[in-house]
Amino acid sequence: MRNMLSGQFERMINIIGLKEENRKFVWKKYVRTITVQRITLMQLNIFFIHCMNSSMRMMKHMR
């Protein structure tokens, strides 16, 4: 289960092109959400986009 999600995650990350430290942050959030709710890949993609948006906002604040 996790390996499939990990592969899915890697592909999404590569499309967006996140830096390493941001990957860890997003991955933690991603895994925590998956563990709490057994969600479908569709929901996963929506969640992932949500994560990306919040991490992009965080990066803007850090500058």
PDB file of N, CA and C in Angstrom:
ATOM      1  N   MET A   1       0.838  -1.210   0.000  1.00  0.00           N
ATOM      2  CA  MET A   1       0.000   0.000   0.000  1.00  0.00           C
ATOM      3  C   MET A   1       0.866   1.251   0.000  1.00  0.00           C
ATOM      4  N   ARG A   2       1.757   1.323   0.978  1.00  0.00           N
ATOM      5  CA  ARG A   2       2.577   2.516   1.092  1.00  0.00           C
ATOM      6  C   ARG A   2       3.509   2.684  -0.104  1.00  0.00           C
ATOM      7  N   ASN A   3       4.026   1.567  -0.622  1.00  0.00           N
ATOM      8  CA  ASN A   3       4.934   1.662  -1.765  1.00  0.00           C
ATOM      9  C   ASN A   3       4.237   2.239  -2.981  1.00  0.00           C
ATOM     10  N   MET A   4       2.993   1.824  -3.181  1.00  0.00           N
ATOM     11  CA  MET A   4       2.242   2.338  -4.313  1.00  0.00           C
ATOM     12  C   MET A   4       2.044   3.845  -4.136  1.00  0.00           C
ATOM     13  N   LEU A   5       1.701   4.243  -2.911  1.00  0.00           N
ATOM     14  CA  LEU A   5       1.479   5.651  -2.634  1.00  0.00           C
ATOM     15  C   LEU A   5       2.771   6.419  -2.796  1.00  0.00           C
ATOM     16  N   SER A   6       3.861   5.803  -2.361  1.00  0.00           N
ATOM     17  CA  SER A   6       5.160   6.441  -2.450  1.00  0.00           C
ATOM     18  C   SER A   6       5.514   6.700  -3.911  1.00  0.00           C
ATOM     19  N   GLY A   7       5.241   5.730  -4.762  1.00  0.00           N
ATOM     20  CA  GLY A   7       5.520   5.884  -6.188  1.00  0.00           C
ATOM     21  C   GLY A   7       4.676   6.995  -6.785  1.00  0.00           C
ATOM     22  N   GLN A   8       3.414   7.003  -6.390  1.00  0.00           N
ATOM     23  CA  GLN A   8       2.475   8.019  -6.857  1.00  0.00           C
ATOM     24  C   GLN A   8       2.979   9.391  -6.417  1.00  0.00           C
ATOM     25  N   PHE A   9       3.401   9.450  -5.162  1.00  0.00           N
ATOM     26  CA  PHE A   9       3.889  10.690  -4.577  1.00  0.00           C
ATOM     27  C   PHE A   9       5.126  11.189  -5.331  1.00  0.00           C
ATOM     28  N   GLU A  10       6.059  10.258  -5.578  1.00  0.00           N
ATOM     29  CA  GLU A  10       7.290  10.630  -6.297  1.00  0.00           C
ATOM     30  C   GLU A  10       6.969  11.225  -7.654  1.00  0.00           C
ATOM     31  N   ARG A  11       6.032  10.611  -8.363  1.00  0.00           N
ATOM     32  CA  ARG A  11       5.671  11.125  -9.679  1.00  0.00           C
ATOM     33  C   ARG A  11       5.103  12.539  -9.577  1.00  0.00           C
ATOM     34  N   MET A  12       4.207  12.739  -8.616  1.00  0.00           N
ATOM     35  CA  MET A  12       3.600  14.061  -8.458  1.00  0.00           C
ATOM     36  C   MET A  12       4.663  15.087  -8.110  1.00  0.00           C
ATOM     37  N   ILE A  13       5.539  14.712  -7.188  1.00  0.00           N
ATOM     38  CA  ILE A  13       6.616  15.599  -6.745  1.00  0.00           C
ATOM     39  C   ILE A  13       7.490  15.981  -7.927  1.00  0.00           C
ATOM     40  N   ASN A  14       7.823  14.993  -8.754  1.00  0.00           N
ATOM     41  CA  ASN A  14       8.703  15.261  -9.890  1.00  0.00           C
ATOM     42  C   ASN A  14       8.056  16.194 -10.892  1.00  0.00           C
ATOM     43  N   ILE A  15       6.749  16.060 -11.053  1.00  0.00           N
ATOM     44  CA  ILE A  15       6.029  16.945 -11.972  1.00  0.00           C
ATOM     45  C   ILE A  15       6.140  18.378 -11.469  1.00  0.00           C
ATOM     46  N   ILE A  16       5.963  18.540 -10.156  1.00  0.00           N
ATOM     47  CA  ILE A  16       5.980  19.888  -9.579  1.00  0.00           C
ATOM     48  C   ILE A  16       7.411  20.373  -9.354  1.00  0.00           C
ATOM     49  N   GLY A  17       8.320  19.436  -9.050  1.00  0.00           N
ATOM     50  CA  GLY A  17       9.718  19.783  -8.855  1.00  0.00           C
ATOM     51  C   GLY A  17       9.997  20.476  -7.535  1.00  0.00           C
ATOM     52  N   LEU A  18       9.691  19.778  -6.442  1.00  0.00           N
ATOM     53  CA  LEU A  18       9.910  20.344  -5.108  1.00  0.00           C
ATOM     54  C   LEU A  18      11.343  20.147  -4.641  1.00  0.00           C
ATOM     55  N   LYS A  19      11.789  21.055  -3.794  1.00  0.00           N
ATOM     56  CA  LYS A  19      13.094  20.888  -3.152  1.00  0.00           C
ATOM     57  C   LYS A  19      13.000  19.805  -2.085  1.00  0.00           C
ATOM     58  N   GLU A  20      14.141  19.234  -1.733  1.00  0.00           N
ATOM     59  CA  GLU A  20      14.201  18.109  -0.814  1.00  0.00           C
ATOM     60  C   GLU A  20      13.515  18.371   0.536  1.00  0.00           C
ATOM     61  N   GLU A  21      13.808  19.508   1.167  1.00  0.00           N
ATOM     62  CA  GLU A  21      13.249  19.774   2.496  1.00  0.00           C
ATOM     63  C   GLU A  21      11.733  19.922   2.450  1.00  0.00           C
ATOM     64  N   ASN A  22      11.227  20.443   1.347  1.00  0.00           N
ATOM     65  CA  ASN A  22       9.787  20.582   1.205  1.00  0.00           C
ATOM     66  C   ASN A  22       9.125  19.233   0.979  1.00  0.00           C
ATOM     67  N   ARG A  23       9.852  18.345   0.301  1.00  0.00           N
ATOM     68  CA  ARG A  23       9.323  17.000   0.084  1.00  0.00           C
ATOM     69  C   ARG A  23       9.020  16.331   1.397  1.00  0.00           C
ATOM     70  N   LYS A  24       9.956  16.443   2.338  1.00  0.00           N
ATOM     71  CA  LYS A  24       9.799  15.772   3.629  1.00  0.00           C
ATOM     72  C   LYS A  24       8.559  16.304   4.333  1.00  0.00           C
ATOM     73  N   PHE A  25       8.392  17.612   4.307  1.00  0.00           N
ATOM     74  CA  PHE A  25       7.249  18.237   4.949  1.00  0.00           C
ATOM     75  C   PHE A  25       5.936  17.747   4.338  1.00  0.00           C
ATOM     76  N   VAL A  26       5.878  17.769   3.020  1.00  0.00           N
ATOM     77  CA  VAL A  26       4.652  17.363   2.337  1.00  0.00           C
ATOM     78  C   VAL A  26       4.389  15.877   2.540  1.00  0.00           C
ATOM     79  N   TRP A  27       5.459  15.075   2.479  1.00  0.00           N
ATOM     80  CA  TRP A  27       5.309  13.627   2.630  1.00  0.00           C
ATOM     81  C   TRP A  27       4.746  13.271   3.992  1.00  0.00           C
ATOM     82  N   LYS A  28       5.221  13.951   5.049  1.00  0.00           N
ATOM     83  CA  LYS A  28       4.719  13.689   6.400  1.00  0.00           C
ATOM     84  C   LYS A  28       3.226  13.952   6.461  1.00  0.00           C
ATOM     85  N   LYS A  29       2.825  15.086   5.918  1.00  0.00           N
ATOM     86  CA  LYS A  29       1.416  15.460   5.915  1.00  0.00           C
ATOM     87  C   LYS A  29       0.596  14.438   5.140  1.00  0.00           C
ATOM     88  N   TYR A  30       1.168  14.046   4.019  1.00  0.00           N
ATOM     89  CA  TYR A  30       0.539  13.127   3.080  1.00  0.00           C
ATOM     90  C   TYR A  30       0.290  11.780   3.747  1.00  0.00           C
ATOM     91  N   VAL A  31       1.335  11.249   4.379  1.00  0.00           N
ATOM     92  CA  VAL A  31       1.234   9.946   5.031  1.00  0.00           C
ATOM     93  C   VAL A  31       0.274  10.015   6.204  1.00  0.00           C
ATOM     94  N   ARG A  32       0.345  11.077   6.986  1.00  0.00           N
ATOM     95  CA  ARG A  32      -0.523  11.215   8.149  1.00  0.00           C
ATOM     96  C   ARG A  32      -1.982  11.196   7.707  1.00  0.00           C
ATOM     97  N   THR A  33      -2.284  11.894   6.654  1.00  0.00           N
ATOM     98  CA  THR A  33      -3.661  11.946   6.156  1.00  0.00           C
ATOM     99  C   THR A  33      -4.118  10.583   5.665  1.00  0.00           C
ATOM    100  N   ILE A  34      -3.220   9.891   4.970  1.00  0.00           N
ATOM    101  CA  ILE A  34      -3.564   8.574   4.442  1.00  0.00           C
ATOM    102  C   ILE A  34      -3.844   7.604   5.579  1.00  0.00           C
ATOM    103  N   THR A  35      -3.028   7.698   6.629  1.00  0.00           N
ATOM    104  CA  THR A  35      -3.173   6.777   7.745  1.00  0.00           C
ATOM    105  C   THR A  35      -4.496   7.013   8.453  1.00  0.00           C
ATOM    106  N   VAL A  36      -4.881   8.269   8.586  1.00  0.00           N
ATOM    107  CA  VAL A  36      -6.127   8.606   9.263  1.00  0.00           C
ATOM    108  C   VAL A  36      -7.333   8.134   8.461  1.00  0.00           C
ATOM    109  N   GLN A  37      -7.335   8.425   7.159  1.00  0.00           N
ATOM    110  CA  GLN A  37      -8.470   8.029   6.328  1.00  0.00           C
ATOM    111  C   GLN A  37      -7.967   7.211   5.155  1.00  0.00           C
ATOM    112  N   ARG A  38      -8.633   6.119   4.901  1.00  0.00           N
ATOM    113  CA  ARG A  38      -8.303   5.336   3.702  1.00  0.00           C
ATOM    114  C   ARG A  38      -8.931   6.069   2.532  1.00  0.00           C
ATOM    115  N   ILE A  39      -8.139   6.833   1.837  1.00  0.00           N
ATOM    116  CA  ILE A  39      -8.712   7.653   0.774  1.00  0.00           C
ATOM    117  C   ILE A  39      -8.336   7.142  -0.607  1.00  0.00           C
ATOM    118  N   THR A  40      -9.154   7.487  -1.574  1.00  0.00           N
ATOM    119  CA  THR A  40      -8.928   7.030  -2.946  1.00  0.00           C
ATOM    120  C   THR A  40      -7.843   7.877  -3.606  1.00  0.00           C
ATOM    121  N   LEU A  41      -7.335   7.398  -4.728  1.00  0.00           N
ATOM    122  CA  LEU A  41      -6.290   8.147  -5.426  1.00  0.00           C
ATOM    123  C   LEU A  41      -6.806   9.500  -5.906  1.00  0.00           C
ATOM    124  N   MET A  42      -8.095   9.543  -6.244  1.00  0.00           N
ATOM    125  CA  MET A  42      -8.666  10.821  -6.672  1.00  0.00           C
ATOM    126  C   MET A  42      -8.558  11.829  -5.543  1.00  0.00           C
ATOM    127  N   GLN A  43      -8.974  11.407  -4.349  1.00  0.00           N
ATOM    128  CA  GLN A  43      -8.903  12.283  -3.185  1.00  0.00           C
ATOM    129  C   GLN A  43      -7.455  12.614  -2.878  1.00  0.00           C
ATOM    130  N   LEU A  44      -6.594  11.626  -3.103  1.00  0.00           N
ATOM    131  CA  LEU A  44      -5.173  11.783  -2.860  1.00  0.00           C
ATOM    132  C   LEU A  44      -4.622  12.917  -3.706  1.00  0.00           C
ATOM    133  N   ASN A  45      -5.025  12.941  -4.974  1.00  0.00           N
ATOM    134  CA  ASN A  45      -4.543  13.980  -5.874  1.00  0.00           C
ATOM    135  C   ASN A  45      -5.022  15.354  -5.440  1.00  0.00           C
ATOM    136  N   ILE A  46      -6.275  15.420  -5.009  1.00  0.00           N
ATOM    137  CA  ILE A  46      -6.833  16.686  -4.533  1.00  0.00           C
ATOM    138  C   ILE A  46      -6.077  17.122  -3.285  1.00  0.00           C
ATOM    139  N   PHE A  47      -5.858  16.165  -2.385  1.00  0.00           N
ATOM    140  CA  PHE A  47      -5.126  16.459  -1.154  1.00  0.00           C
ATOM    141  C   PHE A  47      -3.719  16.938  -1.467  1.00  0.00           C
ATOM    142  N   PHE A  48      -3.098  16.264  -2.438  1.00  0.00           N
ATOM    143  CA  PHE A  48      -1.722  16.589  -2.790  1.00  0.00           C
ATOM    144  C   PHE A  48      -1.629  18.020  -3.289  1.00  0.00           C
ATOM    145  N   ILE A  49      -2.579  18.397  -4.124  1.00  0.00           N
ATOM    146  CA  ILE A  49      -2.605  19.760  -4.661  1.00  0.00           C
ATOM    147  C   ILE A  49      -2.764  20.748  -3.505  1.00  0.00           C
ATOM    148  N   HIS A  50      -3.618  20.397  -2.562  1.00  0.00           N
ATOM    149  CA  HIS A  50      -3.821  21.238  -1.384  1.00  0.00           C
ATOM    150  C   HIS A  50      -2.503  21.405  -0.627  1.00  0.00           C
ATOM    151  N   CYS A  51      -1.782  20.303  -0.442  1.00  0.00           N
ATOM    152  CA  CYS A  51      -0.482  20.321   0.231  1.00  0.00           C
ATOM    153  C   CYS A  51       0.499  21.218  -0.505  1.00  0.00           C
ATOM    154  N   MET A  52       0.522  21.070  -1.805  1.00  0.00           N
ATOM    155  CA  MET A  52       1.465  21.832  -2.605  1.00  0.00           C
ATOM    156  C   MET A  52       1.167  23.314  -2.446  1.00  0.00           C
ATOM    157  N   ASN A  53      -0.111  23.654  -2.480  1.00  0.00           N
ATOM    158  CA  ASN A  53      -0.489  25.055  -2.343  1.00  0.00           C
ATOM    159  C   ASN A  53      -0.052  25.600  -0.999  1.00  0.00           C
ATOM    160  N   SER A  54      -0.262  24.844   0.075  1.00  0.00           N
ATOM    161  CA  SER A  54       0.118  25.358   1.383  1.00  0.00           C
ATOM    162  C   SER A  54       1.631  25.428   1.526  1.00  0.00           C
ATOM    163  N   SER A  55       2.369  24.473   0.929  1.00  0.00           N
ATOM    164  CA  SER A  55       3.821  24.561   1.046  1.00  0.00           C
ATOM    165  C   SER A  55       4.367  25.696   0.180  1.00  0.00           C
ATOM    166  N   MET A  56       3.705  25.990  -0.932  1.00  0.00           N
ATOM    167  CA  MET A  56       4.135  27.118  -1.765  1.00  0.00           C
ATOM    168  C   MET A  56       3.945  28.419  -0.994  1.00  0.00           C
ATOM    169  N   ARG A  57       2.826  28.518  -0.296  1.00  0.00           N
ATOM    170  CA  ARG A  57       2.580  29.714   0.515  1.00  0.00           C
ATOM    171  C   ARG A  57       3.644  29.843   1.596  1.00  0.00           C
ATOM    172  N   MET A  58       3.971  28.713   2.233  1.00  0.00           N
ATOM    173  CA  MET A  58       4.999  28.732   3.273  1.00  0.00           C
ATOM    174  C   MET A  58       6.331  29.211   2.713  1.00  0.00           C
ATOM    175  N   MET A  59       6.681  28.735   1.534  1.00  0.00           N
ATOM    176  CA  MET A  59       7.959  29.117   0.941  1.00  0.00           C
ATOM    177  C   MET A  59       7.997  30.609   0.648  1.00  0.00           C
ATOM    178  N   LYS A  60       6.855  31.139   0.237  1.00  0.00           N
ATOM    179  CA  LYS A  60       6.808  32.576  -0.041  1.00  0.00           C
ATOM    180  C   LYS A  60       7.064  33.361   1.239  1.00  0.00           C
ATOM    181  N   HIS A  61       6.498  32.890   2.352  1.00  0.00           N
ATOM    182  CA  HIS A  61       6.697  33.578   3.629  1.00  0.00           C
ATOM    183  C   HIS A  61       8.151  33.521   4.062  1.00  0.00           C
ATOM    184  N   MET A  62       8.808  32.401   3.764  1.00  0.00           N
ATOM    185  CA  MET A  62      10.186  32.225   4.202  1.00  0.00           C
ATOM    186  C   MET A  62      11.147  33.170   3.507  1.00  0.00           C
ATOM    187  N   ARG A  63      10.806  33.594   2.308  1.00  0.00           N
ATOM    188  CA  ARG A  63      11.729  34.470   1.564  1.00  0.00           C
ATOM    189  C   ARG A  63      11.835  35.841   2.216  1.00  0.00           C
TER     190      ARG A  63
END
